[in-house]
C-alpha cells in the first residue's frame, strides 16, 4: 500500500506502506502505524477532550485482549502532552502498562510522578514529566533507563504507541526540542524492543503534531525506521537552532521515577 504525506511546502513524500504491517515488506515481524485523525489520548468516557474524540489506543488495547487474546499490553505515549484519557482507562488494570513521558506543566496538567495506578493496577502506570528544553539526549536516556527495564519486567504480548510529534523543536504548542532524528531513534528502538519481547507485535497510532512540515518529515522518518531504511533526518533537522538541554533537571526526573518504580 503506497501512501503520500503532504508537506507544508506543497510537495509530497512517498512511503511504501503503512496499514497493518509496514515492516513485513522486508520479512520482519509485523509492525503497524495507524494514521488516525482526530488523535485520541485525551478522550475520556464523559466525552471529547483536547482535540480527541475516541480513545484510539485504549480501544486498540482492549481489542487486542478480547479479540486476539493478547493479555498484557504495554503502551508508550511520547506525545508532548500527557495522555490522561489512556492513563485513566487502565489506572486499576494490572494487564495494561501505561508509560508516558511528556513536558512538565503542559496540557492537561495531569501525569505527575505519583500517578502510578491504583488497586490491582498499582505500579502499572508510569508518568515521567520532563523539563522544558529536553531533547534527543534526554529521550535516549529515558528509553534506556526507564522504558526498556519497565517493558522487560512487564513482559508484554504487544506494544502500542501513542506517537505524538508535537515535541518537535519546531512545533508551536510546546517547549521541547526533539528532532526528526529523535523520532527515528524512538521508532527503531521501540521496534527492536517489540522484536525482543513480544514477537515484534507493535502498532503506532498518530497523536499530536501541529507544525505540518516537522510532522510530515518526522512521521516519514518513523516509517523509514519501521521499514529498516536509513534516516533522512539530516536533510531536515537544523542543529544550529538547538540549545543546551537541562541535563541536571532531566537526570533528577529520571532518578526520581526510577526510585518510585524500583528500576
C-alpha atoms as a PDB file:
ATOM      1  CA  UNK A   1       0.000   0.000   0.000  1.00  0.00           C
ATOM      2  CA  UNK A   2       1.518   3.336  -1.043  1.00  0.00           C
ATOM      3  CA  UNK A   3       0.941   6.440   0.988  1.00  0.00           C
ATOM      4  CA  UNK A   4       1.501  10.127   0.334  1.00  0.00           C
ATOM      5  CA  UNK A   5       2.038  12.667   3.074  1.00  0.00           C
ATOM      6  CA  UNK A   6       1.548  16.303   2.219  1.00  0.00           C
ATOM      7  CA  UNK A   7       4.140  18.750   3.474  1.00  0.00           C
ATOM      8  CA  UNK A   8       3.563  22.415   4.152  1.00  0.00           C
ATOM      9  CA  UNK A   9       5.514  23.363   1.038  1.00  0.00           C
ATOM     10  CA  UNK A  10       3.034  21.504  -1.141  1.00  0.00           C
ATOM     11  CA  UNK A  11       5.287  18.640  -2.173  1.00  0.00           C
ATOM     12  CA  UNK A  12       4.652  15.009  -1.308  1.00  0.00           C
ATOM     13  CA  UNK A  13       6.691  12.297   0.301  1.00  0.00           C
ATOM     14  CA  UNK A  14       6.054   8.765  -0.968  1.00  0.00           C
ATOM     15  CA  UNK A  15       6.285   5.993   1.574  1.00  0.00           C
ATOM     16  CA  UNK A  16       5.861   2.376   0.582  1.00  0.00           C
ATOM     17  CA  UNK A  17       3.367   1.189   3.146  1.00  0.00           C
ATOM     18  CA  UNK A  18       1.544   1.595   6.355  1.00  0.00           C
ATOM     19  CA  UNK A  19      -1.636  -0.122   7.412  1.00  0.00           C
ATOM     20  CA  UNK A  20      -1.300  -3.443   9.161  1.00  0.00           C
ATOM     21  CA  UNK A  21       2.327  -4.444   8.823  1.00  0.00           C
ATOM     22  CA  UNK A  22       4.716  -1.976   7.308  1.00  0.00           C
ATOM     23  CA  UNK A  23       7.878  -3.866   8.205  1.00  0.00           C
ATOM     24  CA  UNK A  24       6.541  -7.065   6.623  1.00  0.00           C
ATOM     25  CA  UNK A  25       7.890  -5.752   3.325  1.00  0.00           C
ATOM     26  CA  UNK A  26      11.340  -6.867   4.397  1.00  0.00           C
ATOM     27  CA  UNK A  27      10.176 -10.057   6.023  1.00  0.00           C
ATOM     28  CA  UNK A  28      10.357  -8.851   9.616  1.00  0.00           C
ATOM     29  CA  UNK A  29       7.736  -9.293  12.312  1.00  0.00           C
ATOM     30  CA  UNK A  30       4.613  -7.171  11.742  1.00  0.00           C
ATOM     31  CA  UNK A  31       4.768  -3.546  12.806  1.00  0.00           C
ATOM     32  CA  UNK A  32       1.959  -1.118  12.007  1.00  0.00           C
ATOM     33  CA  UNK A  33       1.273   2.614  12.000  1.00  0.00           C
ATOM     34  CA  UNK A  34      -2.297   3.889  12.110  1.00  0.00           C
ATOM     35  CA  UNK A  35      -2.624   7.339  10.544  1.00  0.00           C
ATOM     36  CA  UNK A  36      -5.629   8.443  12.580  1.00  0.00           C
ATOM     37  CA  UNK A  37      -7.333  11.799  12.863  1.00  0.00           C
ATOM     38  CA  UNK A  38      -8.519  13.054  15.246  1.00  0.00           C
ATOM     39  CA  UNK A  39      -5.959  11.925  17.840  1.00  0.00           C
ATOM     40  CA  UNK A  40      -7.258  10.084  20.864  1.00  0.00           C
ATOM     41  CA  UNK A  41      -5.224  10.005  24.048  1.00  0.00           C
ATOM     42  CA  UNK A  42      -7.100  12.839  25.822  1.00  0.00           C
ATOM     43  CA  UNK A  43     -10.572  11.381  25.190  1.00  0.00           C
ATOM     44  CA  UNK A  44     -12.421  10.440  28.370  1.00  0.00           C
ATOM     45  CA  UNK A  45     -15.622   8.394  28.903  1.00  0.00           C
ATOM     46  CA  UNK A  46     -17.598  11.588  29.530  1.00  0.00           C
ATOM     47  CA  UNK A  47     -16.799  12.951  26.082  1.00  0.00           C
ATOM     48  CA  UNK A  48     -14.159  14.535  23.825  1.00  0.00           C
ATOM     49  CA  UNK A  49     -11.220  16.482  25.186  1.00  0.00           C
ATOM     50  CA  UNK A  50      -8.126  18.152  23.772  1.00  0.00           C
ATOM     51  CA  UNK A  51      -8.866  17.618  20.055  1.00  0.00           C
ATOM     52  CA  UNK A  52      -9.627  13.929  20.831  1.00  0.00           C
ATOM     53  CA  UNK A  53     -12.980  12.179  20.384  1.00  0.00           C
ATOM     54  CA  UNK A  54     -12.252   8.457  20.706  1.00  0.00           C
ATOM     55  CA  UNK A  55      -9.523   6.839  22.801  1.00  0.00           C
ATOM     56  CA  UNK A  56      -7.897   5.135  19.839  1.00  0.00           C
ATOM     57  CA  UNK A  57      -5.091   3.407  21.724  1.00  0.00           C
ATOM     58  CA  UNK A  58      -7.340   2.438  24.622  1.00  0.00           C
ATOM     59  CA  UNK A  59      -9.807   0.845  22.195  1.00  0.00           C
ATOM     60  CA  UNK A  60      -6.971  -0.968  20.430  1.00  0.00           C
ATOM     61  CA  UNK A  61      -5.662  -2.291  23.737  1.00  0.00           C
ATOM     62  CA  UNK A  62      -8.996  -3.824  24.673  1.00  0.00           C
ATOM     63  CA  UNK A  63      -9.462  -5.156  21.134  1.00  0.00           C
ATOM     64  CA  UNK A  64      -6.041  -6.802  21.304  1.00  0.00           C
ATOM     65  CA  UNK A  65      -7.026  -8.516  24.522  1.00  0.00           C
ATOM     66  CA  UNK A  66     -10.574  -9.570  23.720  1.00  0.00           C
ATOM     67  CA  UNK A  67     -10.275 -10.439  20.044  1.00  0.00           C
ATOM     68  CA  UNK A  68      -6.659 -11.544  19.685  1.00  0.00           C
ATOM     69  CA  UNK A  69      -6.082 -12.937  23.178  1.00  0.00           C
ATOM     70  CA  UNK A  70      -3.046 -10.745  23.838  1.00  0.00           C
ATOM     71  CA  UNK A  71      -3.347 -10.404  27.588  1.00  0.00           C
ATOM     72  CA  UNK A  72      -0.558  -7.993  28.520  1.00  0.00           C
ATOM     73  CA  UNK A  73      -0.463  -4.668  26.675  1.00  0.00           C
ATOM     74  CA  UNK A  74       2.390  -2.169  27.042  1.00  0.00           C
ATOM     75  CA  UNK A  75       1.525   1.396  25.962  1.00  0.00           C
ATOM     76  CA  UNK A  76       4.207   4.012  25.295  1.00  0.00           C
ATOM     77  CA  UNK A  77       2.985   7.601  24.913  1.00  0.00           C
ATOM     78  CA  UNK A  78       5.634  10.047  23.643  1.00  0.00           C
ATOM     79  CA  UNK A  79       3.293  12.909  22.787  1.00  0.00           C
ATOM     80  CA  UNK A  80       4.393  16.173  24.390  1.00  0.00           C
ATOM     81  CA  UNK A  81       1.136  16.191  26.379  1.00  0.00           C
ATOM     82  CA  UNK A  82       0.104  13.633  28.957  1.00  0.00           C
ATOM     83  CA  UNK A  83      -2.373  11.059  27.655  1.00  0.00           C
ATOM     84  CA  UNK A  84      -4.824  11.465  30.502  1.00  0.00           C
ATOM     85  CA  UNK A  85      -7.599   9.508  28.797  1.00  0.00           C
ATOM     86  CA  UNK A  86      -5.455   6.415  28.265  1.00  0.00           C
ATOM     87  CA  UNK A  87      -3.982   6.835  31.735  1.00  0.00           C
ATOM     88  CA  UNK A  88      -7.420   6.823  33.361  1.00  0.00           C
ATOM     89  CA  UNK A  89      -8.799   3.958  31.268  1.00  0.00           C
ATOM     90  CA  UNK A  90      -6.299   1.481  32.706  1.00  0.00           C
ATOM     91  CA  UNK A  91      -5.417   3.042  36.041  1.00  0.00           C
ATOM     92  CA  UNK A  92      -6.512  -0.027  38.024  1.00  0.00           C
ATOM     93  CA  UNK A  93      -5.744  -2.640  35.358  1.00  0.00           C
ATOM     94  CA  UNK A  94      -2.684  -4.841  36.053  1.00  0.00           C
ATOM     95  CA  UNK A  95      -2.638  -6.191  32.477  1.00  0.00           C
ATOM     96  CA  UNK A  96      -2.108  -2.833  30.751  1.00  0.00           C
ATOM     97  CA  UNK A  97       1.063  -0.870  31.468  1.00  0.00           C
ATOM     98  CA  UNK A  98       0.764   2.802  30.516  1.00  0.00           C
ATOM     99  CA  UNK A  99       4.038   4.740  30.255  1.00  0.00           C
ATOM    100  CA  UNK A 100       4.042   8.416  29.339  1.00  0.00           C
ATOM    101  CA  UNK A 101       6.875  10.910  29.149  1.00  0.00           C
ATOM    102  CA  UNK A 102       5.726  14.443  28.451  1.00  0.00           C
ATOM    103  CA  UNK A 103       6.579  18.079  29.108  1.00  0.00           C
ATOM    104  CA  UNK A 104       6.147  19.056  32.724  1.00  0.00           C
ATOM    105  CA  UNK A 105       3.328  21.562  33.229  1.00  0.00           C
ATOM    106  CA  UNK A 106       1.815  21.096  29.781  1.00  0.00           C
ATOM    107  CA  UNK A 107      -1.843  20.487  28.950  1.00  0.00           C
ATOM    108  CA  UNK A 108      -3.900  18.999  30.568  1.00  0.00           C
ATOM    109  CA  UNK A 109      -1.876  19.308  33.782  1.00  0.00           C
ATOM    110  CA  UNK A 110      -2.019  15.615  34.661  1.00  0.00           C
ATOM    111  CA  UNK A 111       0.674  12.942  34.556  1.00  0.00           C
ATOM    112  CA  UNK A 112       2.545  13.602  37.783  1.00  0.00           C
ATOM    113  CA  UNK A 113       5.271  11.355  39.163  1.00  0.00           C
ATOM    114  CA  UNK A 114       2.997   9.961  41.857  1.00  0.00           C
ATOM    115  CA  UNK A 115       0.290   8.824  39.437  1.00  0.00           C
ATOM    116  CA  UNK A 116       1.278   5.149  39.456  1.00  0.00           C
ATOM    117  CA  UNK A 117      -2.044   3.305  39.255  1.00  0.00           C
ATOM    118  CA  UNK A 118      -4.383   2.044  41.934  1.00  0.00           C
ATOM    119  CA  UNK A 119      -5.713  -1.225  43.335  1.00  0.00           C
ATOM    120  CA  UNK A 120      -4.581  -4.223  41.307  1.00  0.00           C
ATOM    121  CA  UNK A 121      -3.072  -1.781  38.795  1.00  0.00           C
ATOM    122  CA  UNK A 122      -0.745  -0.059  41.220  1.00  0.00           C
ATOM    123  CA  UNK A 123       2.671   0.137  39.582  1.00  0.00           C
ATOM    124  CA  UNK A 124       1.457  -0.343  36.013  1.00  0.00           C
ATOM    125  CA  UNK A 125       1.152   3.375  35.305  1.00  0.00           C
ATOM    126  CA  UNK A 126       4.344   5.386  34.922  1.00  0.00           C
ATOM    127  CA  UNK A 127       4.341   9.123  34.300  1.00  0.00           C
ATOM    128  CA  UNK A 128       7.572  10.995  33.662  1.00  0.00           C
ATOM    129  CA  UNK A 129       7.182  14.778  33.324  1.00  0.00           C
ATOM    130  CA  UNK A 130      10.299  16.196  31.669  1.00  0.00           C
ATOM    131  CA  UNK A 131      11.546  19.778  31.936  1.00  0.00           C
ATOM    132  CA  UNK A 132      11.162  22.171  29.033  1.00  0.00           C
ATOM    133  CA  UNK A 133      14.163  22.047  26.729  1.00  0.00           C
ATOM    134  CA  UNK A 134      14.555  18.272  26.943  1.00  0.00           C
ATOM    135  CA  UNK A 135      15.738  16.823  23.666  1.00  0.00           C
ATOM    136  CA  UNK A 136      17.412  13.896  21.976  1.00  0.00           C
ATOM    137  CA  UNK A 137      19.921  13.159  24.740  1.00  0.00           C
ATOM    138  CA  UNK A 138      17.194  13.103  27.379  1.00  0.00           C
ATOM    139  CA  UNK A 139      14.995  10.761  25.356  1.00  0.00           C
ATOM    140  CA  UNK A 140      17.804   8.314  24.639  1.00  0.00           C
ATOM    141  CA  UNK A 141      18.402   8.116  28.390  1.00  0.00           C
ATOM    142  CA  UNK A 142      14.685   7.730  29.121  1.00  0.00           C
ATOM    143  CA  UNK A 143      14.476   4.877  26.663  1.00  0.00           C
ATOM    144  CA  UNK A 144      17.497   3.013  28.033  1.00  0.00           C
ATOM    145  CA  UNK A 145      16.921   3.609  31.743  1.00  0.00           C
ATOM    146  CA  UNK A 146      13.125   3.702  32.026  1.00  0.00           C
ATOM    147  CA  UNK A 147      11.286   2.229  29.044  1.00  0.00           C
ATOM    148  CA  UNK A 148      13.458  -0.845  28.481  1.00  0.00           C
ATOM    149  CA  UNK A 149      13.561  -2.074  32.102  1.00  0.00           C
ATOM    150  CA  UNK A 150       9.814  -1.438  32.539  1.00  0.00           C
ATOM    151  CA  UNK A 151       8.974  -3.404  29.407  1.00  0.00           C
ATOM    152  CA  UNK A 152      11.350  -6.222  30.286  1.00  0.00           C
ATOM    153  CA  UNK A 153       9.783  -6.566  33.716  1.00  0.00           C
ATOM    154  CA  UNK A 154       6.200  -6.353  32.423  1.00  0.00           C
ATOM    155  CA  UNK A 155       6.714  -8.918  29.618  1.00  0.00           C
ATOM    156  CA  UNK A 156       4.075  -7.610  27.175  1.00  0.00           C
ATOM    157  CA  UNK A 157       2.284  -9.549  24.458  1.00  0.00           C
ATOM    158  CA  UNK A 158       2.042  -6.402  22.299  1.00  0.00           C
ATOM    159  CA  UNK A 159       3.323  -2.828  22.390  1.00  0.00           C
ATOM    160  CA  UNK A 160       1.047   0.063  21.392  1.00  0.00           C
ATOM    161  CA  UNK A 161       2.471   3.547  20.854  1.00  0.00           C
ATOM    162  CA  UNK A 162       0.759   6.926  21.129  1.00  0.00           C
ATOM    163  CA  UNK A 163       3.015   8.645  18.638  1.00  0.00           C
ATOM    164  CA  UNK A 164       2.726  12.387  19.095  1.00  0.00           C
ATOM    165  CA  UNK A 165       5.076  14.657  17.149  1.00  0.00           C
ATOM    166  CA  UNK A 166       4.351  17.897  18.989  1.00  0.00           C
ATOM    167  CA  UNK A 167       7.576  17.605  20.988  1.00  0.00           C
ATOM    168  CA  UNK A 168       9.496  18.640  17.875  1.00  0.00           C
ATOM    169  CA  UNK A 169      11.594  21.761  18.340  1.00  0.00           C
ATOM    170  CA  UNK A 170       9.608  23.473  15.554  1.00  0.00           C
ATOM    171  CA  UNK A 171       6.197  22.653  17.000  1.00  0.00           C
ATOM    172  CA  UNK A 172       4.369  25.742  18.326  1.00  0.00           C
ATOM    173  CA  UNK A 173       2.456  24.121  21.188  1.00  0.00           C
ATOM    174  CA  UNK A 174       5.313  23.084  23.457  1.00  0.00           C
ATOM    175  CA  UNK A 175       8.847  23.761  24.595  1.00  0.00           C
ATOM    176  CA  UNK A 176      10.780  20.557  23.995  1.00  0.00           C
ATOM    177  CA  UNK A 177      13.467  20.194  21.361  1.00  0.00           C
ATOM    178  CA  UNK A 178      13.057  16.771  19.854  1.00  0.00           C
ATOM    179  CA  UNK A 179      14.241  16.473  16.256  1.00  0.00           C
ATOM    180  CA  UNK A 180      13.258  14.317  13.336  1.00  0.00           C
ATOM    181  CA  UNK A 181      16.220  12.160  14.327  1.00  0.00           C
ATOM    182  CA  UNK A 182      14.766  11.745  17.821  1.00  0.00           C
ATOM    183  CA  UNK A 183      11.632  10.195  16.355  1.00  0.00           C
ATOM    184  CA  UNK A 184      13.650   7.909  14.079  1.00  0.00           C
ATOM    185  CA  UNK A 185      15.581   6.715  17.125  1.00  0.00           C
ATOM    186  CA  UNK A 186      12.389   6.118  19.119  1.00  0.00           C
ATOM    187  CA  UNK A 187      10.706   4.187  16.326  1.00  0.00           C
ATOM    188  CA  UNK A 188      13.692   1.952  15.585  1.00  0.00           C
ATOM    189  CA  UNK A 189      14.295   1.333  19.298  1.00  0.00           C
ATOM    190  CA  UNK A 190      10.650   0.504  20.039  1.00  0.00           C
ATOM    191  CA  UNK A 191      10.510  -1.795  17.027  1.00  0.00           C
ATOM    192  CA  UNK A 192      13.560  -3.672  18.334  1.00  0.00           C
ATOM    193  CA  UNK A 193      12.096  -3.788  21.837  1.00  0.00           C
ATOM    194  CA  UNK A 194       8.923  -5.384  20.457  1.00  0.00           C
ATOM    195  CA  UNK A 195      11.003  -7.872  18.497  1.00  0.00           C
ATOM    196  CA  UNK A 196      12.914  -8.800  21.653  1.00  0.00           C
ATOM    197  CA  UNK A 197       9.895  -9.087  23.955  1.00  0.00           C
ATOM    198  CA  UNK A 198       6.722  -9.908  22.046  1.00  0.00           C
ATOM    199  CA  UNK A 199       7.451 -11.325  18.638  1.00  0.00           C
ATOM    200  CA  UNK A 200       7.595  -7.905  17.021  1.00  0.00           C
ATOM    201  CA  UNK A 201       3.922  -7.121  17.678  1.00  0.00           C
ATOM    202  CA  UNK A 202       3.754  -3.330  17.741  1.00  0.00           C
ATOM    203  CA  UNK A 203       1.366  -0.680  16.402  1.00  0.00           C
ATOM    204  CA  UNK A 204       1.908   3.095  16.371  1.00  0.00           C
ATOM    205  CA  UNK A 205      -1.053   5.499  16.465  1.00  0.00           C
ATOM    206  CA  UNK A 206      -0.741   9.104  15.337  1.00  0.00           C
ATOM    207  CA  UNK A 207      -1.427  11.631  18.086  1.00  0.00           C
ATOM    208  CA  UNK A 208      -0.398  15.314  18.131  1.00  0.00           C
ATOM    209  CA  UNK A 209       1.692  17.407  15.748  1.00  0.00           C
ATOM    210  CA  UNK A 210       0.922  20.997  14.754  1.00  0.00           C
ATOM    211  CA  UNK A 211       3.760  22.118  12.519  1.00  0.00           C
ATOM    212  CA  UNK A 212       2.878  20.433   9.239  1.00  0.00           C
ATOM    213  CA  UNK A 213       6.424  20.388   7.938  1.00  0.00           C
ATOM    214  CA  UNK A 214       8.066  18.866  11.020  1.00  0.00           C
ATOM    215  CA  UNK A 215       5.106  16.494  11.401  1.00  0.00           C
ATOM    216  CA  UNK A 216       5.425  15.281   7.804  1.00  0.00           C
ATOM    217  CA  UNK A 217       9.168  14.717   7.963  1.00  0.00           C
ATOM    218  CA  UNK A 218       9.063  13.098  11.409  1.00  0.00           C
ATOM    219  CA  UNK A 219       6.277  10.675  10.511  1.00  0.00           C
ATOM    220  CA  UNK A 220       8.041   9.806   7.264  1.00  0.00           C
ATOM    221  CA  UNK A 221      11.277   9.133   9.159  1.00  0.00           C
ATOM    222  CA  UNK A 222       9.330   6.961  11.588  1.00  0.00           C
ATOM    223  CA  UNK A 223       8.180   4.913   8.590  1.00  0.00           C
ATOM    224  CA  UNK A 224      11.772   4.604   7.449  1.00  0.00           C
ATOM    225  CA  UNK A 225      12.780   3.318  10.878  1.00  0.00           C
ATOM    226  CA  UNK A 226       9.996   0.739  10.843  1.00  0.00           C
ATOM    227  CA  UNK A 227      10.938  -0.318   7.316  1.00  0.00           C
ATOM    228  CA  UNK A 228      14.605  -0.595   8.197  1.00  0.00           C
ATOM    229  CA  UNK A 229      15.598   2.228   5.849  1.00  0.00           C
ATOM    230  CA  UNK A 230      18.170   4.859   6.716  1.00  0.00           C
ATOM    231  CA  UNK A 231      17.098   8.116   8.298  1.00  0.00           C
ATOM    232  CA  UNK A 232      16.853  11.278   6.210  1.00  0.00           C
ATOM    233  CA  UNK A 233      16.620  13.485   9.300  1.00  0.00           C
ATOM    234  CA  UNK A 234      19.878  15.262   8.474  1.00  0.00           C
ATOM    235  CA  UNK A 235      18.244  16.723   5.382  1.00  0.00           C
ATOM    236  CA  UNK A 236      15.642  18.474   7.534  1.00  0.00           C
ATOM    237  CA  UNK A 237      16.993  18.979  11.056  1.00  0.00           C
ATOM    238  CA  UNK A 238      18.973  22.126  11.800  1.00  0.00           C
ATOM    239  CA  UNK A 239      21.269  21.595  14.819  1.00  0.00           C
ATOM    240  CA  UNK A 240      22.001  25.319  14.944  1.00  0.00           C
ATOM    241  CA  UNK A 241      18.557  26.065  16.408  1.00  0.00           C
ATOM    242  CA  UNK A 242      19.040  23.695  19.349  1.00  0.00           C
ATOM    243  CA  UNK A 243      20.224  24.868  22.741  1.00  0.00           C
ATOM    244  CA  UNK A 244      21.741  23.116  25.719  1.00  0.00           C
ATOM    245  CA  UNK A 245      19.417  20.623  27.355  1.00  0.00           C
ATOM    246  CA  UNK A 246      18.653  20.988  31.093  1.00  0.00           C
ATOM    247  CA  UNK A 247      20.687  17.859  31.857  1.00  0.00           C
ATOM    248  CA  UNK A 248      20.650  18.240  35.633  1.00  0.00           C
ATOM    249  CA  UNK A 249      16.850  18.547  35.788  1.00  0.00           C
ATOM    250  CA  UNK A 250      16.440  15.653  33.356  1.00  0.00           C
ATOM    251  CA  UNK A 251      18.723  13.460  35.451  1.00  0.00           C
ATOM    252  CA  UNK A 252      16.786  14.352  38.595  1.00  0.00           C
ATOM    253  CA  UNK A 253      13.468  13.484  36.941  1.00  0.00           C
ATOM    254  CA  UNK A 254      14.769  10.143  35.701  1.00  0.00           C
ATOM    255  CA  UNK A 255      16.289   9.248  39.071  1.00  0.00           C
ATOM    256  CA  UNK A 256      13.020  10.136  40.784  1.00  0.00           C
ATOM    257  CA  UNK A 257      10.924   7.904  38.543  1.00  0.00           C
ATOM    258  CA  UNK A 258      13.451   5.066  38.827  1.00  0.00           C
ATOM    259  CA  UNK A 259      13.184   5.300  42.620  1.00  0.00           C
ATOM    260  CA  UNK A 260       9.367   5.355  42.581  1.00  0.00           C
ATOM    261  CA  UNK A 261       9.168   2.308  40.316  1.00  0.00           C
ATOM    262  CA  UNK A 262      12.229   0.473  41.675  1.00  0.00           C
ATOM    263  CA  UNK A 263      14.004   0.419  38.331  1.00  0.00           C
END
